[in-house]
Amino acid sequence: MNLLYLHGLGSSPRPDKVAILEALATNVWAPQLYYRKSNTVFSELLPEAIRQKIDFIVGSSAGGFMGYWLSKHLNCDALLYNPALAFQSVMQQIIPVEASQKYEKKYQIILGQQDNVIPPQSTIDYLQKNDQSEHYSIDLHEHLGHQIDIDTFKSTCQQYIKLSKR
């Protein structure tokens, strides 16, 4: 499995989270992204993700937004934490998915009910309006906020990445 890890806005790929992913995937690509410096992060990621044959994406917040759109282009599974789908504080140019392109994979979305940065209902509303429900599953975590603690990250990655390997 070739996995892409996309950190959130104002963050970086934390070594402890990368280590968890390295235990679950053959190859892990975890680039440092500068969402505020460039609005073309997506168009920079896409050709490299294709070259690396990425077949699973893990993303959080702004990285969850990128992961959502990249997974559609790559037709791969994804695990997205509090993805910034409904609104972004930093705008990014996204290459639209062509209507003829089929998306057959599934993405798992983890939402923290205590998230005060990206309210979980905004993500739910966005998905209900803009996506087909057979493409995603939502897992609400009652005590989780916007930041994903290492224990939640590890347990959900182990659960959902292993499921996609089947």
C-alpha atoms as a PDB file:
ATOM      1  CA  MET A   1       0.000   0.000   0.000  1.00  0.00           C
ATOM      2  CA  ASN A   2       1.255   3.452  -0.961  1.00  0.00           C
ATOM      3  CA  LEU A   3      -0.147   5.978   1.482  1.00  0.00           C
ATOM      4  CA  LEU A   4      -0.244   9.771   1.372  1.00  0.00           C
ATOM      5  CA  TYR A   5      -0.515  11.665   4.676  1.00  0.00           C
ATOM      6  CA  LEU A   6      -1.748  15.265   4.466  1.00  0.00           C
ATOM      7  CA  HIS A   7      -1.398  17.405   7.586  1.00  0.00           C
ATOM      8  CA  GLY A   8      -3.623  20.346   8.428  1.00  0.00           C
ATOM      9  CA  LEU A   9      -3.244  24.105   8.020  1.00  0.00           C
ATOM     10  CA  GLY A  10      -0.394  25.599  10.051  1.00  0.00           C
ATOM     11  CA  SER A  11       0.819  22.121  10.936  1.00  0.00           C
ATOM     12  CA  SER A  12       3.390  19.616   9.747  1.00  0.00           C
ATOM     13  CA  PRO A  13       3.618  15.829   9.351  1.00  0.00           C
ATOM     14  CA  ARG A  14       4.144  14.783  12.971  1.00  0.00           C
ATOM     15  CA  PRO A  15       6.777  12.030  13.263  1.00  0.00           C
ATOM     16  CA  ASP A  16       4.670  10.022  15.742  1.00  0.00           C
ATOM     17  CA  LYS A  17       1.710   9.965  13.339  1.00  0.00           C
ATOM     18  CA  VAL A  18       3.942   9.148  10.366  1.00  0.00           C
ATOM     19  CA  ALA A  19       5.400   6.223  12.362  1.00  0.00           C
ATOM     20  CA  ILE A  20       1.894   4.845  12.946  1.00  0.00           C
ATOM     21  CA  LEU A  21       1.194   5.026   9.215  1.00  0.00           C
ATOM     22  CA  GLU A  22       4.547   3.440   8.335  1.00  0.00           C
ATOM     23  CA  ALA A  23       3.557   0.430  10.447  1.00  0.00           C
ATOM     24  CA  LEU A  24       0.402   0.029   8.321  1.00  0.00           C
ATOM     25  CA  ALA A  25       1.602   0.803   4.780  1.00  0.00           C
ATOM     26  CA  THR A  26       4.465  -0.240   2.536  1.00  0.00           C
ATOM     27  CA  ASN A  27       5.327   3.341   1.559  1.00  0.00           C
ATOM     28  CA  VAL A  28       4.296   6.579   3.261  1.00  0.00           C
ATOM     29  CA  TRP A  29       4.637   9.967   1.603  1.00  0.00           C
ATOM     30  CA  ALA A  30       4.143  12.787   4.111  1.00  0.00           C
ATOM     31  CA  PRO A  31       5.095  16.088   2.457  1.00  0.00           C
ATOM     32  CA  GLN A  32       5.368  19.404   4.275  1.00  0.00           C
ATOM     33  CA  LEU A  33       2.597  21.539   2.762  1.00  0.00           C
ATOM     34  CA  TYR A  34       2.383  25.330   2.721  1.00  0.00           C
ATOM     35  CA  TYR A  35      -1.310  26.056   2.204  1.00  0.00           C
ATOM     36  CA  ARG A  36      -0.945  29.770   3.028  1.00  0.00           C
ATOM     37  CA  LYS A  37       1.968  30.385   0.637  1.00  0.00           C
ATOM     38  CA  SER A  38       0.429  28.761  -2.433  1.00  0.00           C
ATOM     39  CA  ASN A  39      -3.104  28.229  -3.661  1.00  0.00           C
ATOM     40  CA  THR A  40      -1.882  25.485  -6.034  1.00  0.00           C
ATOM     41  CA  VAL A  41      -1.027  22.812  -3.450  1.00  0.00           C
ATOM     42  CA  PHE A  42      -3.588  20.471  -5.000  1.00  0.00           C
ATOM     43  CA  SER A  43      -2.222  20.744  -8.541  1.00  0.00           C
ATOM     44  CA  GLU A  44       1.286  20.184  -7.166  1.00  0.00           C
ATOM     45  CA  LEU A  45       0.241  17.088  -5.191  1.00  0.00           C
ATOM     46  CA  LEU A  46      -1.827  15.362  -7.884  1.00  0.00           C
ATOM     47  CA  PRO A  47       0.908  14.482 -10.438  1.00  0.00           C
ATOM     48  CA  GLU A  48       3.261  13.279  -7.701  1.00  0.00           C
ATOM     49  CA  ALA A  49       0.508  11.183  -6.117  1.00  0.00           C
ATOM     50  CA  ILE A  50      -0.111   9.590  -9.513  1.00  0.00           C
ATOM     51  CA  ARG A  51       3.617   8.969  -9.979  1.00  0.00           C
ATOM     52  CA  GLN A  52       3.877   7.359  -6.538  1.00  0.00           C
ATOM     53  CA  LYS A  53       0.768   5.244  -7.206  1.00  0.00           C
ATOM     54  CA  ILE A  54      -0.943   6.407  -4.021  1.00  0.00           C
ATOM     55  CA  ASP A  55      -3.772   4.051  -3.119  1.00  0.00           C
ATOM     56  CA  PHE A  56      -4.765   5.365   0.324  1.00  0.00           C
ATOM     57  CA  ILE A  57      -4.923   8.895   1.758  1.00  0.00           C
ATOM     58  CA  VAL A  58      -5.028  10.081   5.363  1.00  0.00           C
ATOM     59  CA  GLY A  59      -5.737  13.785   5.856  1.00  0.00           C
ATOM     60  CA  SER A  60      -6.731  16.163   8.607  1.00  0.00           C
ATOM     61  CA  SER A  61      -8.583  19.493   8.332  1.00  0.00           C
ATOM     62  CA  ALA A  62      -7.086  21.288   5.272  1.00  0.00           C
ATOM     63  CA  GLY A  63      -5.333  17.986   4.533  1.00  0.00           C
ATOM     64  CA  GLY A  64      -8.729  16.292   4.773  1.00  0.00           C
ATOM     65  CA  PHE A  65     -10.053  18.732   2.180  1.00  0.00           C
ATOM     66  CA  MET A  66      -7.095  17.926  -0.111  1.00  0.00           C
ATOM     67  CA  GLY A  67      -7.482  14.215   0.597  1.00  0.00           C
ATOM     68  CA  TYR A  68     -11.169  14.308  -0.289  1.00  0.00           C
ATOM     69  CA  TRP A  69     -10.493  15.727  -3.757  1.00  0.00           C
ATOM     70  CA  LEU A  70      -7.310  13.735  -4.390  1.00  0.00           C
ATOM     71  CA  SER A  71      -9.068  10.477  -3.494  1.00  0.00           C
ATOM     72  CA  LYS A  72     -11.674  11.206  -6.162  1.00  0.00           C
ATOM     73  CA  HIS A  73      -8.994  11.862  -8.796  1.00  0.00           C
ATOM     74  CA  LEU A  74      -6.952   8.811  -7.786  1.00  0.00           C
ATOM     75  CA  ASN A  75      -9.987   6.597  -7.126  1.00  0.00           C
ATOM     76  CA  CYS A  76      -8.528   5.494  -3.810  1.00  0.00           C
ATOM     77  CA  ASP A  77      -9.779   5.012  -0.263  1.00  0.00           C
ATOM     78  CA  ALA A  78      -9.249   7.758   2.301  1.00  0.00           C
ATOM     79  CA  LEU A  79      -9.464   8.407   6.031  1.00  0.00           C
ATOM     80  CA  LEU A  80     -10.291  12.063   6.655  1.00  0.00           C
ATOM     81  CA  TYR A  81     -10.300  13.803  10.034  1.00  0.00           C
ATOM     82  CA  ASN A  82     -12.482  16.918  10.388  1.00  0.00           C
ATOM     83  CA  PRO A  83     -12.057  17.762   6.688  1.00  0.00           C
ATOM     84  CA  ALA A  84     -12.503  21.430   5.793  1.00  0.00           C
ATOM     85  CA  LEU A  85     -15.054  20.706   3.054  1.00  0.00           C
ATOM     86  CA  ALA A  86     -17.704  23.345   3.663  1.00  0.00           C
ATOM     87  CA  PHE A  87     -15.320  26.279   3.999  1.00  0.00           C
ATOM     88  CA  GLN A  88     -11.621  26.991   3.972  1.00  0.00           C
ATOM     89  CA  SER A  89      -9.770  29.835   5.652  1.00  0.00           C
ATOM     90  CA  VAL A  90      -7.187  29.569   2.856  1.00  0.00           C
ATOM     91  CA  MET A  91      -8.485  29.095  -0.677  1.00  0.00           C
ATOM     92  CA  GLN A  92      -7.040  26.366  -2.875  1.00  0.00           C
ATOM     93  CA  GLN A  93      -7.484  25.785  -6.594  1.00  0.00           C
ATOM     94  CA  ILE A  94      -8.997  22.343  -7.102  1.00  0.00           C
ATOM     95  CA  ILE A  95      -9.019  20.579 -10.439  1.00  0.00           C
ATOM     96  CA  PRO A  96     -12.634  19.446 -10.946  1.00  0.00           C
ATOM     97  CA  VAL A  97     -13.340  15.759 -11.321  1.00  0.00           C
ATOM     98  CA  GLU A  98     -14.714  15.021 -14.770  1.00  0.00           C
ATOM     99  CA  ALA A  99     -18.321  13.851 -14.815  1.00  0.00           C
ATOM    100  CA  SER A 100     -17.297  10.749 -16.765  1.00  0.00           C
ATOM    101  CA  GLN A 101     -14.772   9.732 -14.097  1.00  0.00           C
ATOM    102  CA  LYS A 102     -16.101   6.974 -11.855  1.00  0.00           C
ATOM    103  CA  TYR A 103     -15.337   7.002  -8.164  1.00  0.00           C
ATOM    104  CA  GLU A 104     -15.687   3.502  -6.757  1.00  0.00           C
ATOM    105  CA  LYS A 105     -13.826   3.749  -3.473  1.00  0.00           C
ATOM    106  CA  LYS A 106     -14.922   4.883  -0.041  1.00  0.00           C
ATOM    107  CA  TYR A 107     -13.688   7.455   2.384  1.00  0.00           C
ATOM    108  CA  GLN A 108     -14.147   7.296   6.108  1.00  0.00           C
ATOM    109  CA  ILE A 109     -14.716  10.610   7.835  1.00  0.00           C
ATOM    110  CA  ILE A 110     -13.931  11.105  11.514  1.00  0.00           C
ATOM    111  CA  LEU A 111     -15.698  14.117  13.024  1.00  0.00           C
ATOM    112  CA  GLY A 112     -15.102  15.513  16.479  1.00  0.00           C
ATOM    113  CA  GLN A 113     -18.369  16.671  17.994  1.00  0.00           C
ATOM    114  CA  GLN A 114     -16.396  19.184  20.085  1.00  0.00           C
ATOM    115  CA  ASP A 115     -14.684  20.660  17.010  1.00  0.00           C
ATOM    116  CA  ASN A 116     -15.006  24.459  17.275  1.00  0.00           C
ATOM    117  CA  VAL A 117     -12.864  25.121  14.160  1.00  0.00           C
ATOM    118  CA  ILE A 118     -14.895  23.140  11.620  1.00  0.00           C
ATOM    119  CA  PRO A 119     -18.326  22.413  13.083  1.00  0.00           C
ATOM    120  CA  PRO A 120     -19.165  18.775  12.302  1.00  0.00           C
ATOM    121  CA  GLN A 121     -22.647  19.638  11.064  1.00  0.00           C
ATOM    122  CA  SER A 122     -21.134  21.798   8.309  1.00  0.00           C
ATOM    123  CA  THR A 123     -19.263  18.762   6.974  1.00  0.00           C
ATOM    124  CA  ILE A 124     -22.353  16.557   7.217  1.00  0.00           C
ATOM    125  CA  ASP A 125     -24.454  19.175   5.398  1.00  0.00           C
ATOM    126  CA  TYR A 126     -21.812  19.583   2.686  1.00  0.00           C
ATOM    127  CA  LEU A 127     -21.643  15.841   2.041  1.00  0.00           C
ATOM    128  CA  GLN A 128     -25.413  15.400   1.990  1.00  0.00           C
ATOM    129  CA  LYS A 129     -25.712  18.197  -0.561  1.00  0.00           C
ATOM    130  CA  ASN A 130     -22.683  17.388  -2.748  1.00  0.00           C
ATOM    131  CA  ASP A 131     -21.841  13.694  -2.574  1.00  0.00           C
ATOM    132  CA  GLN A 132     -23.419  10.279  -2.844  1.00  0.00           C
ATOM    133  CA  SER A 133     -23.764   8.554   0.501  1.00  0.00           C
ATOM    134  CA  GLU A 134     -22.416   5.229  -0.790  1.00  0.00           C
ATOM    135  CA  HIS A 135     -19.001   6.912  -1.129  1.00  0.00           C
ATOM    136  CA  TYR A 136     -18.519   7.791   2.514  1.00  0.00           C
ATOM    137  CA  SER A 137     -19.134   6.813   6.117  1.00  0.00           C
ATOM    138  CA  ILE A 138     -19.114   9.206   9.036  1.00  0.00           C
ATOM    139  CA  ASP A 139     -17.841   8.305  12.482  1.00  0.00           C
ATOM    140  CA  LEU A 140     -18.763  10.898  15.133  1.00  0.00           C
ATOM    141  CA  HIS A 141     -16.521  11.051  18.202  1.00  0.00           C
ATOM    142  CA  GLU A 142     -18.353  12.680  21.092  1.00  0.00           C
ATOM    143  CA  HIS A 143     -15.322  14.001  23.025  1.00  0.00           C
ATOM    144  CA  LEU A 144     -13.018  14.756  20.091  1.00  0.00           C
ATOM    145  CA  GLY A 145     -12.229  18.343  19.129  1.00  0.00           C
ATOM    146  CA  HIS A 146     -10.418  19.622  16.052  1.00  0.00           C
ATOM    147  CA  GLN A 147      -6.995  18.291  17.058  1.00  0.00           C
ATOM    148  CA  ILE A 148      -6.636  14.534  16.681  1.00  0.00           C
ATOM    149  CA  ASP A 149      -4.897  13.040  19.683  1.00  0.00           C
ATOM    150  CA  ILE A 150      -2.380  10.283  19.051  1.00  0.00           C
ATOM    151  CA  ASP A 151      -4.494   7.506  20.602  1.00  0.00           C
ATOM    152  CA  THR A 152      -7.520   8.327  18.424  1.00  0.00           C
ATOM    153  CA  PHE A 153      -5.280   8.656  15.374  1.00  0.00           C
ATOM    154  CA  LYS A 154      -3.655   5.278  16.010  1.00  0.00           C
ATOM    155  CA  SER A 155      -6.869   3.359  16.742  1.00  0.00           C
ATOM    156  CA  THR A 156      -8.807   4.801  13.795  1.00  0.00           C
ATOM    157  CA  CYS A 157      -5.904   4.326  11.378  1.00  0.00           C
ATOM    158  CA  GLN A 158      -5.487   0.728  12.488  1.00  0.00           C
ATOM    159  CA  GLN A 159      -9.202   0.112  12.111  1.00  0.00           C
ATOM    160  CA  TYR A 160      -9.872   1.784   8.759  1.00  0.00           C
ATOM    161  CA  ILE A 161      -6.610   1.223   6.929  1.00  0.00           C
ATOM    162  CA  LYS A 162      -6.728  -2.480   7.751  1.00  0.00           C
ATOM    163  CA  LEU A 163     -10.323  -2.620   6.503  1.00  0.00           C
ATOM    164  CA  SER A 164      -9.310  -1.148   3.155  1.00  0.00           C
ATOM    165  CA  LYS A 165      -6.574  -3.771   2.699  1.00  0.00           C
ATOM    166  CA  ARG A 166      -9.186  -6.509   2.476  1.00  0.00           C
END
